[in-house]
Every structure is written in C-alpha cells, then in structure tokens.
Amino acid sequence: MGRRCPCMNIEDYQCQFCGKTAKHFVFAAFTCDDDVCIEKARLERGGPGGHLKKKAQGQPIVPLDRE
C-alpha cells in the first residue's frame, strides 16, 4: 500500500472499524488489510482531499469522537 512510517509502529494500533491489528494508516485512520475497512476509512474522510472540501464548505475538519 504505502511506505512504512519510521516514527511509529502501526501494528501497535487496532483497525478503527473491525478491531483487527492495524496494518495501514490511510485517510487519517488506522486500518487492517481488509478492503472493506479501507473503503470505510475513505468514505468517512471524504476521499482524497476530503478534509479540504469540508474546510472549503466551512465544516470542521477534525474527526468527531466515535461512541
């Protein structure tokens, strides 16, 4: 997928969608290798540049707490 981050061990985190061990940090979310979880992260973020689209519309770009 992408390059490994030298500053943190991504596998210390869990997938934000299913709870498995995280393998990637994409679309501002820790995800496993499952394409479904990666797609959920993309949709939640709004796709590439989604945070900039939200900012342009005057919406907050900081993710809301999940409960």
N, C-alpha and C. Protein backbone atom coordinates (compact mmCIF):
# COMPACT_ATOMS: atom_id res chain seq x y z
N MET A 1 0.84 -1.18 0.00
CA MET A 1 0.00 0.00 0.00
C MET A 1 0.89 1.24 0.00
N GLY A 2 1.37 1.66 1.15
CA GLY A 2 2.23 2.84 1.21
C GLY A 2 3.52 2.52 1.92
N ARG A 3 4.31 3.53 2.14
CA ARG A 3 5.56 3.34 2.87
C ARG A 3 5.28 3.18 4.35
N ARG A 4 6.16 2.49 5.03
CA ARG A 4 6.05 2.34 6.48
C ARG A 4 6.48 3.63 7.16
N CYS A 5 5.78 4.00 8.20
CA CYS A 5 6.11 5.19 8.96
C CYS A 5 7.26 4.86 9.92
N PRO A 6 8.38 5.58 9.84
CA PRO A 6 9.51 5.28 10.72
C PRO A 6 9.30 5.78 12.15
N CYS A 7 8.29 6.61 12.39
CA CYS A 7 8.12 7.24 13.70
C CYS A 7 7.16 6.49 14.62
N MET A 8 6.41 5.50 14.10
CA MET A 8 5.51 4.75 14.96
C MET A 8 5.32 3.35 14.39
N ASN A 9 4.99 2.43 15.26
CA ASN A 9 4.70 1.07 14.83
C ASN A 9 3.18 0.96 14.67
N ILE A 10 2.73 0.97 13.45
CA ILE A 10 1.30 0.96 13.16
C ILE A 10 0.63 -0.28 13.75
N GLU A 11 1.37 -1.39 13.82
CA GLU A 11 0.77 -2.63 14.33
C GLU A 11 0.52 -2.59 15.84
N ASP A 12 0.93 -1.52 16.51
CA ASP A 12 0.59 -1.32 17.92
C ASP A 12 -0.86 -0.84 18.07
N TYR A 13 -1.50 -0.50 16.97
CA TYR A 13 -2.86 0.03 16.97
C TYR A 13 -3.83 -0.99 16.39
N GLN A 14 -5.11 -0.77 16.65
CA GLN A 14 -6.15 -1.63 16.10
C GLN A 14 -6.87 -0.92 14.97
N CYS A 15 -7.40 -1.70 14.04
CA CYS A 15 -8.23 -1.15 12.97
C CYS A 15 -9.41 -0.44 13.62
N GLN A 16 -9.67 0.77 13.19
CA GLN A 16 -10.74 1.57 13.78
C GLN A 16 -12.13 1.06 13.41
N PHE A 17 -12.20 0.11 12.49
CA PHE A 17 -13.50 -0.35 12.01
C PHE A 17 -13.84 -1.77 12.43
N CYS A 18 -12.83 -2.65 12.55
CA CYS A 18 -13.15 -4.04 12.90
C CYS A 18 -12.38 -4.53 14.13
N GLY A 19 -11.36 -3.80 14.56
CA GLY A 19 -10.62 -4.17 15.75
C GLY A 19 -9.42 -5.08 15.53
N LYS A 20 -9.19 -5.53 14.29
CA LYS A 20 -8.01 -6.34 14.00
C LYS A 20 -6.75 -5.48 14.14
N THR A 21 -5.60 -6.11 14.12
CA THR A 21 -4.34 -5.38 14.18
C THR A 21 -4.22 -4.48 12.95
N ALA A 22 -3.89 -3.21 13.17
CA ALA A 22 -3.75 -2.26 12.07
C ALA A 22 -2.51 -2.58 11.24
N LYS A 23 -2.62 -2.40 9.94
CA LYS A 23 -1.51 -2.60 9.01
C LYS A 23 -1.20 -1.33 8.23
N HIS A 24 -2.17 -0.41 8.20
CA HIS A 24 -2.03 0.81 7.40
C HIS A 24 -2.59 2.00 8.17
N PHE A 25 -2.11 3.19 7.81
CA PHE A 25 -2.71 4.44 8.26
C PHE A 25 -3.08 5.19 7.00
N VAL A 26 -4.34 5.08 6.61
CA VAL A 26 -4.81 5.69 5.37
C VAL A 26 -6.05 6.52 5.66
N PHE A 27 -6.21 7.62 4.93
CA PHE A 27 -7.36 8.50 5.10
C PHE A 27 -7.56 8.87 6.57
N ALA A 28 -6.45 9.15 7.26
CA ALA A 28 -6.46 9.56 8.67
C ALA A 28 -7.09 8.52 9.58
N ALA A 29 -6.91 7.24 9.25
CA ALA A 29 -7.47 6.16 10.07
C ALA A 29 -6.51 4.96 10.07
N PHE A 30 -6.46 4.29 11.21
CA PHE A 30 -5.73 3.03 11.27
C PHE A 30 -6.64 1.94 10.72
N THR A 31 -6.15 1.17 9.74
CA THR A 31 -6.95 0.11 9.14
C THR A 31 -6.15 -1.18 9.03
N CYS A 32 -6.88 -2.29 8.93
CA CYS A 32 -6.26 -3.58 8.68
C CYS A 32 -6.09 -3.72 7.16
N ASP A 33 -5.82 -4.94 6.69
CA ASP A 33 -5.65 -5.18 5.26
C ASP A 33 -6.97 -5.34 4.52
N ASP A 34 -8.09 -5.38 5.23
CA ASP A 34 -9.39 -5.62 4.62
C ASP A 34 -9.83 -4.41 3.77
N ASP A 35 -10.14 -4.69 2.51
CA ASP A 35 -10.56 -3.61 1.60
C ASP A 35 -11.83 -2.91 2.09
N VAL A 36 -12.69 -3.64 2.79
CA VAL A 36 -13.93 -3.05 3.32
C VAL A 36 -13.59 -1.96 4.35
N CYS A 37 -12.64 -2.24 5.22
CA CYS A 37 -12.25 -1.27 6.25
C CYS A 37 -11.56 -0.06 5.61
N ILE A 38 -10.73 -0.29 4.60
CA ILE A 38 -10.07 0.81 3.91
C ILE A 38 -11.10 1.68 3.21
N GLU A 39 -12.11 1.06 2.61
CA GLU A 39 -13.17 1.82 1.96
C GLU A 39 -13.98 2.63 2.98
N LYS A 40 -14.24 2.05 4.15
CA LYS A 40 -14.94 2.79 5.21
C LYS A 40 -14.14 4.01 5.63
N ALA A 41 -12.82 3.86 5.74
CA ALA A 41 -11.97 5.00 6.10
C ALA A 41 -12.04 6.07 5.02
N ARG A 42 -12.04 5.65 3.76
CA ARG A 42 -12.12 6.61 2.65
C ARG A 42 -13.43 7.37 2.67
N LEU A 43 -14.52 6.65 2.89
CA LEU A 43 -15.84 7.29 2.91
C LEU A 43 -15.98 8.23 4.11
N GLU A 44 -15.46 7.81 5.26
CA GLU A 44 -15.54 8.65 6.45
C GLU A 44 -14.76 9.95 6.26
N ARG A 45 -13.63 9.85 5.61
CA ARG A 45 -12.76 11.02 5.39
C ARG A 45 -13.28 11.89 4.26
N GLY A 46 -13.96 11.29 3.30
CA GLY A 46 -14.45 12.05 2.16
C GLY A 46 -13.58 11.87 0.93
N GLY A 47 -12.71 10.86 0.93
CA GLY A 47 -11.83 10.60 -0.21
C GLY A 47 -10.60 11.48 -0.17
N PRO A 48 -9.72 11.32 -1.14
CA PRO A 48 -8.53 12.17 -1.19
C PRO A 48 -8.94 13.65 -1.25
N GLY A 49 -8.39 14.44 -0.37
CA GLY A 49 -8.74 15.86 -0.32
C GLY A 49 -10.06 16.14 0.34
N GLY A 50 -10.68 15.13 0.94
CA GLY A 50 -12.00 15.32 1.57
C GLY A 50 -11.98 16.35 2.67
N HIS A 51 -10.89 16.40 3.43
CA HIS A 51 -10.79 17.38 4.51
C HIS A 51 -10.71 18.79 3.94
N LEU A 52 -10.11 18.96 2.76
CA LEU A 52 -10.04 20.29 2.16
C LEU A 52 -11.40 20.71 1.60
N LYS A 53 -12.15 19.72 1.09
CA LYS A 53 -13.51 20.03 0.62
C LYS A 53 -14.38 20.50 1.78
N LYS A 54 -14.27 19.80 2.94
CA LYS A 54 -15.04 20.19 4.11
C LYS A 54 -14.64 21.58 4.58
N LYS A 55 -13.33 21.84 4.59
CA LYS A 55 -12.84 23.15 5.04
C LYS A 55 -13.39 24.26 4.14
N ALA A 56 -13.40 24.01 2.83
CA ALA A 56 -13.91 25.00 1.88
C ALA A 56 -15.39 25.27 2.08
N GLN A 57 -16.13 24.27 2.58
CA GLN A 57 -17.56 24.42 2.83
C GLN A 57 -17.85 24.97 4.22
N GLY A 58 -16.79 25.26 4.99
CA GLY A 58 -16.96 25.80 6.33
C GLY A 58 -17.27 24.75 7.38
N GLN A 59 -17.07 23.48 7.05
CA GLN A 59 -17.32 22.39 8.01
C GLN A 59 -16.05 22.07 8.75
N PRO A 60 -16.15 21.54 9.97
CA PRO A 60 -14.96 21.18 10.75
C PRO A 60 -14.21 20.03 10.08
N ILE A 61 -12.88 20.07 10.14
CA ILE A 61 -12.09 19.00 9.55
C ILE A 61 -11.54 18.05 10.60
N VAL A 62 -11.75 18.35 11.87
CA VAL A 62 -11.31 17.48 12.95
C VAL A 62 -12.33 16.35 13.10
N PRO A 63 -11.90 15.09 13.10
CA PRO A 63 -12.86 13.99 13.23
C PRO A 63 -13.64 14.06 14.53
N LEU A 64 -14.90 13.67 14.47
CA LEU A 64 -15.74 13.64 15.66
C LEU A 64 -15.42 12.39 16.45
N ASP A 65 -15.61 12.44 17.76
CA ASP A 65 -15.38 11.27 18.60
C ASP A 65 -16.35 10.16 18.22
N ARG A 66 -15.84 8.93 18.19
CA ARG A 66 -16.71 7.77 17.92
C ARG A 66 -17.22 7.23 19.23
N GLU A 67 -18.49 6.99 19.29
CA GLU A 67 -19.08 6.40 20.50
C GLU A 67 -20.07 5.36 20.11
